Amino acid sequence: MIYVFKTSVDSPLKLQAASELLDQLFPNCKWNFDLEDCDNILRVDSRLNAAAMLENNTVFECIELE
């Protein structure tokens, strides 16, 4: 399933921190950011519930979009 989130990742430093977290949470899944989008979109392709796994992260803010 593909999950789509609006995020607070808007700089290379935040992207680095977010990448480290995402690699830990989703080691066998695909994810990517679209930082050219005004909502700094994160897409996660995972069988796991990405929304639940990212809900309480302290690295970046994210809101699941429908």
PDB file of N, CA and C in Angstrom:
ATOM      1  N   MET A   1       0.841  -1.173   0.000  1.00  0.00           N
ATOM      2  CA  MET A   1       0.000   0.000   0.000  1.00  0.00           C
ATOM      3  C   MET A   1       0.892   1.244   0.000  1.00  0.00           C
ATOM      4  N   ILE A   2       0.439   2.271  -0.691  1.00  0.00           N
ATOM      5  CA  ILE A   2       1.201   3.515  -0.725  1.00  0.00           C
ATOM      6  C   ILE A   2       0.546   4.527   0.207  1.00  0.00           C
ATOM      7  N   TYR A   3       1.334   5.030   1.135  1.00  0.00           N
ATOM      8  CA  TYR A   3       0.893   6.052   2.080  1.00  0.00           C
ATOM      9  C   TYR A   3       1.485   7.381   1.638  1.00  0.00           C
ATOM     10  N   VAL A   4       0.703   8.453   1.767  1.00  0.00           N
ATOM     11  CA  VAL A   4       1.154   9.784   1.351  1.00  0.00           C
ATOM     12  C   VAL A   4       0.994  10.732   2.532  1.00  0.00           C
ATOM     13  N   PHE A   5       2.072  11.486   2.809  1.00  0.00           N
ATOM     14  CA  PHE A   5       2.083  12.385   3.956  1.00  0.00           C
ATOM     15  C   PHE A   5       2.534  13.789   3.569  1.00  0.00           C
ATOM     16  N   LYS A   6       1.950  14.776   4.209  1.00  0.00           N
ATOM     17  CA  LYS A   6       2.458  16.146   4.186  1.00  0.00           C
ATOM     18  C   LYS A   6       3.474  16.205   5.321  1.00  0.00           C
ATOM     19  N   THR A   7       4.662  16.791   5.070  1.00  0.00           N
ATOM     20  CA  THR A   7       5.705  16.764   6.093  1.00  0.00           C
ATOM     21  C   THR A   7       6.324  18.140   6.327  1.00  0.00           C
ATOM     22  N   SER A   8       7.136  18.199   7.363  1.00  0.00           N
ATOM     23  CA  SER A   8       7.894  19.408   7.690  1.00  0.00           C
ATOM     24  C   SER A   8       9.326  19.335   7.161  1.00  0.00           C
ATOM     25  N   VAL A   9       9.629  18.335   6.346  1.00  0.00           N
ATOM     26  CA  VAL A   9      10.978  18.152   5.800  1.00  0.00           C
ATOM     27  C   VAL A   9      11.174  19.126   4.641  1.00  0.00           C
ATOM     28  N   ASP A  10      11.927  20.200   4.898  1.00  0.00           N
ATOM     29  CA  ASP A  10      12.077  21.250   3.898  1.00  0.00           C
ATOM     30  C   ASP A  10      13.513  21.723   3.701  1.00  0.00           C
ATOM     31  N   SER A  11      14.458  20.922   4.176  1.00  0.00           N
ATOM     32  CA  SER A  11      15.872  21.290   4.021  1.00  0.00           C
ATOM     33  C   SER A  11      16.710  20.020   3.945  1.00  0.00           C
ATOM     34  N   PRO A  12      17.936  20.141   3.432  1.00  0.00           N
ATOM     35  CA  PRO A  12      18.819  18.966   3.360  1.00  0.00           C
ATOM     36  C   PRO A  12      19.102  18.354   4.740  1.00  0.00           C
ATOM     37  N   LEU A  13      19.225  19.179   5.764  1.00  0.00           N
ATOM     38  CA  LEU A  13      19.493  18.668   7.110  1.00  0.00           C
ATOM     39  C   LEU A  13      18.309  17.848   7.623  1.00  0.00           C
ATOM     40  N   LYS A  14      17.103  18.344   7.427  1.00  0.00           N
ATOM     41  CA  LYS A  14      15.912  17.601   7.845  1.00  0.00           C
ATOM     42  C   LYS A  14      15.747  16.333   7.010  1.00  0.00           C
ATOM     43  N   LEU A  15      16.092  16.414   5.740  1.00  0.00           N
ATOM     44  CA  LEU A  15      16.008  15.238   4.876  1.00  0.00           C
ATOM     45  C   LEU A  15      16.957  14.151   5.352  1.00  0.00           C
ATOM     46  N   GLN A  16      18.142  14.524   5.751  1.00  0.00           N
ATOM     47  CA  GLN A  16      19.124  13.559   6.271  1.00  0.00           C
ATOM     48  C   GLN A  16      18.572  12.839   7.503  1.00  0.00           C
ATOM     49  N   ALA A  17      18.049  13.609   8.457  1.00  0.00           N
ATOM     50  CA  ALA A  17      17.507  13.016   9.677  1.00  0.00           C
ATOM     51  C   ALA A  17      16.305  12.128   9.369  1.00  0.00           C
ATOM     52  N   ALA A  18      15.421  12.590   8.495  1.00  0.00           N
ATOM     53  CA  ALA A  18      14.243  11.812   8.133  1.00  0.00           C
ATOM     54  C   ALA A  18      14.645  10.522   7.416  1.00  0.00           C
ATOM     55  N   SER A  19      15.640  10.591   6.551  1.00  0.00           N
ATOM     56  CA  SER A  19      16.108   9.414   5.816  1.00  0.00           C
ATOM     57  C   SER A  19      16.624   8.345   6.755  1.00  0.00           C
ATOM     58  N   GLU A  20      17.364   8.749   7.758  1.00  0.00           N
ATOM     59  CA  GLU A  20      17.884   7.784   8.734  1.00  0.00           C
ATOM     60  C   GLU A  20      16.748   7.093   9.467  1.00  0.00           C
ATOM     61  N   LEU A  21      15.746   7.860   9.880  1.00  0.00           N
ATOM     62  CA  LEU A  21      14.592   7.276  10.571  1.00  0.00           C
ATOM     63  C   LEU A  21      13.829   6.331   9.648  1.00  0.00           C
ATOM     64  N   LEU A  22      13.558   6.762   8.433  1.00  0.00           N
ATOM     65  CA  LEU A  22      12.786   5.942   7.498  1.00  0.00           C
ATOM     66  C   LEU A  22      13.517   4.662   7.140  1.00  0.00           C
ATOM     67  N   ASP A  23      14.833   4.727   7.000  1.00  0.00           N
ATOM     68  CA  ASP A  23      15.612   3.513   6.726  1.00  0.00           C
ATOM     69  C   ASP A  23      15.511   2.527   7.889  1.00  0.00           C
ATOM     70  N   GLN A  24      15.425   3.028   9.108  1.00  0.00           N
ATOM     71  CA  GLN A  24      15.285   2.152  10.277  1.00  0.00           C
ATOM     72  C   GLN A  24      13.885   1.566  10.373  1.00  0.00           C
ATOM     73  N   LEU A  25      12.872   2.407  10.158  1.00  0.00           N
ATOM     74  CA  LEU A  25      11.489   1.951  10.293  1.00  0.00           C
ATOM     75  C   LEU A  25      11.043   1.056   9.145  1.00  0.00           C
ATOM     76  N   PHE A  26      11.535   1.330   7.943  1.00  0.00           N
ATOM     77  CA  PHE A  26      11.078   0.633   6.740  1.00  0.00           C
ATOM     78  C   PHE A  26      12.269   0.094   5.949  1.00  0.00           C
ATOM     79  N   PRO A  27      13.028  -0.855   6.507  1.00  0.00           N
ATOM     80  CA  PRO A  27      14.262  -1.311   5.848  1.00  0.00           C
ATOM     81  C   PRO A  27      14.045  -1.994   4.496  1.00  0.00           C
ATOM     82  N   ASN A  28      12.907  -2.601   4.282  1.00  0.00           N
ATOM     83  CA  ASN A  28      12.662  -3.320   3.030  1.00  0.00           C
ATOM     84  C   ASN A  28      11.551  -2.674   2.205  1.00  0.00           C
ATOM     85  N   CYS A  29      11.332  -1.391   2.427  1.00  0.00           N
ATOM     86  CA  CYS A  29      10.256  -0.686   1.728  1.00  0.00           C
ATOM     87  C   CYS A  29      10.822   0.472   0.921  1.00  0.00           C
ATOM     88  N   LYS A  30      10.032   0.921  -0.033  1.00  0.00           N
ATOM     89  CA  LYS A  30      10.427   2.078  -0.837  1.00  0.00           C
ATOM     90  C   LYS A  30       9.749   3.317  -0.267  1.00  0.00           C
ATOM     91  N   TRP A  31      10.495   4.407  -0.220  1.00  0.00           N
ATOM     92  CA  TRP A  31       9.937   5.692   0.200  1.00  0.00           C
ATOM     93  C   TRP A  31      10.668   6.802  -0.544  1.00  0.00           C
ATOM     94  N   ASN A  32      10.003   7.952  -0.682  1.00  0.00           N
ATOM     95  CA  ASN A  32      10.656   9.099  -1.305  1.00  0.00           C
ATOM     96  C   ASN A  32       9.953  10.389  -0.902  1.00  0.00           C
ATOM     97  N   PHE A  33      10.698  11.480  -0.999  1.00  0.00           N
ATOM     98  CA  PHE A  33      10.178  12.811  -0.720  1.00  0.00           C
ATOM     99  C   PHE A  33      10.071  13.587  -2.016  1.00  0.00           C
ATOM    100  N   ASP A  34       9.068  14.450  -2.091  1.00  0.00           N
ATOM    101  CA  ASP A  34       8.950  15.424  -3.171  1.00  0.00           C
ATOM    102  C   ASP A  34       9.060  16.797  -2.524  1.00  0.00           C
ATOM    103  N   LEU A  35      10.280  17.297  -2.404  1.00  0.00           N
ATOM    104  CA  LEU A  35      10.504  18.572  -1.729  1.00  0.00           C
ATOM    105  C   LEU A  35      10.187  19.760  -2.628  1.00  0.00           C
ATOM    106  N   GLU A  36       9.892  19.526  -3.886  1.00  0.00           N
ATOM    107  CA  GLU A  36       9.466  20.609  -4.770  1.00  0.00           C
ATOM    108  C   GLU A  36       7.976  20.887  -4.611  1.00  0.00           C
ATOM    109  N   ASP A  37       7.254  19.972  -4.010  1.00  0.00           N
ATOM    110  CA  ASP A  37       5.844  20.159  -3.720  1.00  0.00           C
ATOM    111  C   ASP A  37       5.708  21.069  -2.496  1.00  0.00           C
ATOM    112  N   CYS A  38       4.699  21.922  -2.470  1.00  0.00           N
ATOM    113  CA  CYS A  38       4.540  22.863  -1.353  1.00  0.00           C
ATOM    114  C   CYS A  38       4.286  22.157  -0.025  1.00  0.00           C
ATOM    115  N   ASP A  39       3.839  20.909  -0.064  1.00  0.00           N
ATOM    116  CA  ASP A  39       3.584  20.147   1.163  1.00  0.00           C
ATOM    117  C   ASP A  39       4.715  19.196   1.531  1.00  0.00           C
ATOM    118  N   ASN A  40       5.831  19.262   0.796  1.00  0.00           N
ATOM    119  CA  ASN A  40       6.985  18.390   1.085  1.00  0.00           C
ATOM    120  C   ASN A  40       6.540  16.942   1.265  1.00  0.00           C
ATOM    121  N   ILE A  41       5.937  16.415   0.227  1.00  0.00           N
ATOM    122  CA  ILE A  41       5.275  15.109   0.254  1.00  0.00           C
ATOM    123  C   ILE A  41       6.262  13.957   0.482  1.00  0.00           C
ATOM    124  N   LEU A  42       5.847  13.047   1.356  1.00  0.00           N
ATOM    125  CA  LEU A  42       6.541  11.783   1.574  1.00  0.00           C
ATOM    126  C   LEU A  42       5.604  10.677   1.118  1.00  0.00           C
ATOM    127  N   ARG A  43       6.127   9.775   0.303  1.00  0.00           N
ATOM    128  CA  ARG A  43       5.383   8.586  -0.112  1.00  0.00           C
ATOM    129  C   ARG A  43       6.118   7.364   0.421  1.00  0.00           C
ATOM    130  N   VAL A  44       5.361   6.461   1.035  1.00  0.00           N
ATOM    131  CA  VAL A  44       5.925   5.227   1.571  1.00  0.00           C
ATOM    132  C   VAL A  44       5.146   4.066   0.982  1.00  0.00           C
ATOM    133  N   ASP A  45       5.840   3.157   0.314  1.00  0.00           N
ATOM    134  CA  ASP A  45       5.234   1.954  -0.240  1.00  0.00           C
ATOM    135  C   ASP A  45       5.590   0.808   0.707  1.00  0.00           C
ATOM    136  N   SER A  46       4.603   0.388   1.497  1.00  0.00           N
ATOM    137  CA  SER A  46       4.880  -0.575   2.556  1.00  0.00           C
ATOM    138  C   SER A  46       3.668  -1.440   2.849  1.00  0.00           C
ATOM    139  N   ARG A  47       3.925  -2.681   3.238  1.00  0.00           N
ATOM    140  CA  ARG A  47       2.857  -3.555   3.723  1.00  0.00           C
ATOM    141  C   ARG A  47       2.524  -3.215   5.170  1.00  0.00           C
ATOM    142  N   LEU A  48       3.479  -2.576   5.857  1.00  0.00           N
ATOM    143  CA  LEU A  48       3.265  -2.155   7.235  1.00  0.00           C
ATOM    144  C   LEU A  48       2.403  -0.904   7.254  1.00  0.00           C
ATOM    145  N   ASN A  49       1.767  -0.620   8.376  1.00  0.00           N
ATOM    146  CA  ASN A  49       0.957   0.582   8.511  1.00  0.00           C
ATOM    147  C   ASN A  49       1.884   1.765   8.768  1.00  0.00           C
ATOM    148  N   ALA A  50       2.279   2.436   7.702  1.00  0.00           N
ATOM    149  CA  ALA A  50       3.237   3.537   7.807  1.00  0.00           C
ATOM    150  C   ALA A  50       2.697   4.677   8.657  1.00  0.00           C
ATOM    151  N   ALA A  51       1.403   4.936   8.564  1.00  0.00           N
ATOM    152  CA  ALA A  51       0.814   6.028   9.344  1.00  0.00           C
ATOM    153  C   ALA A  51       0.987   5.770  10.840  1.00  0.00           C
ATOM    154  N   ALA A  52       0.735   4.555  11.264  1.00  0.00           N
ATOM    155  CA  ALA A  52       0.884   4.216  12.684  1.00  0.00           C
ATOM    156  C   ALA A  52       2.342   4.270  13.109  1.00  0.00           C
ATOM    157  N   MET A  53       3.236   3.835  12.235  1.00  0.00           N
ATOM    158  CA  MET A  53       4.658   3.801  12.583  1.00  0.00           C
ATOM    159  C   MET A  53       5.263   5.200  12.666  1.00  0.00           C
ATOM    160  N   LEU A  54       4.723   6.142  11.905  1.00  0.00           N
ATOM    161  CA  LEU A  54       5.261   7.505  11.905  1.00  0.00           C
ATOM    162  C   LEU A  54       4.516   8.439  12.854  1.00  0.00           C
ATOM    163  N   GLU A  55       3.443   7.968  13.417  1.00  0.00           N
ATOM    164  CA  GLU A  55       2.562   8.799  14.241  1.00  0.00           C
ATOM    165  C   GLU A  55       3.288   9.527  15.372  1.00  0.00           C
ATOM    166  N   ASN A  56       4.141   8.870  16.080  1.00  0.00           N
ATOM    167  CA  ASN A  56       4.799   9.463  17.250  1.00  0.00           C
ATOM    168  C   ASN A  56       6.278   9.749  17.030  1.00  0.00           C
ATOM    169  N   ASN A  57       6.707   9.885  15.788  1.00  0.00           N
ATOM    170  CA  ASN A  57       8.128  10.146  15.555  1.00  0.00           C
ATOM    171  C   ASN A  57       8.444  11.576  15.985  1.00  0.00           C
ATOM    172  N   THR A  58       9.663  11.786  16.440  1.00  0.00           N
ATOM    173  CA  THR A  58      10.085  13.098  16.928  1.00  0.00           C
ATOM    174  C   THR A  58      11.067  13.773  15.984  1.00  0.00           C
ATOM    175  N   VAL A  59      11.291  13.175  14.811  1.00  0.00           N
ATOM    176  CA  VAL A  59      12.272  13.703  13.865  1.00  0.00           C
ATOM    177  C   VAL A  59      11.644  14.742  12.935  1.00  0.00           C
ATOM    178  N   PHE A  60      10.419  14.478  12.480  1.00  0.00           N
ATOM    179  CA  PHE A  60       9.740  15.426  11.592  1.00  0.00           C
ATOM    180  C   PHE A  60       8.231  15.273  11.751  1.00  0.00           C
ATOM    181  N   GLU A  61       7.517  16.328  11.426  1.00  0.00           N
ATOM    182  CA  GLU A  61       6.070  16.303  11.470  1.00  0.00           C
ATOM    183  C   GLU A  61       5.532  15.705  10.181  1.00  0.00           C
ATOM    184  N   CYS A  62       4.482  14.914  10.296  1.00  0.00           N
ATOM    185  CA  CYS A  62       3.851  14.388   9.100  1.00  0.00           C
ATOM    186  C   CYS A  62       2.376  14.144   9.362  1.00  0.00           C
ATOM    187  N   ILE A  63       1.594  14.431   8.332  1.00  0.00           N
ATOM    188  CA  ILE A  63       0.154  14.250   8.384  1.00  0.00           C
ATOM    189  C   ILE A  63      -0.246  13.407   7.185  1.00  0.00           C
ATOM    190  N   GLU A  64      -0.920  12.306   7.442  1.00  0.00           N
ATOM    191  CA  GLU A  64      -1.325  11.450   6.326  1.00  0.00           C
ATOM    192  C   GLU A  64      -2.393  12.144   5.498  1.00  0.00           C
ATOM    193  N   LEU A  65      -2.216  12.091   4.188  1.00  0.00           N
ATOM    194  CA  LEU A  65      -3.204  12.632   3.262  1.00  0.00           C
ATOM    195  C   LEU A  65      -4.024  11.506   2.686  1.00  0.00           C
ATOM    196  N   GLU A  66      -5.250  11.815   2.347  1.00  0.00           N
ATOM    197  CA  GLU A  66      -6.127  10.781   1.764  1.00  0.00           C
ATOM    198  C   GLU A  66      -5.996  10.751   0.266  1.00  0.00           C
TER     199      GLU A  66
END
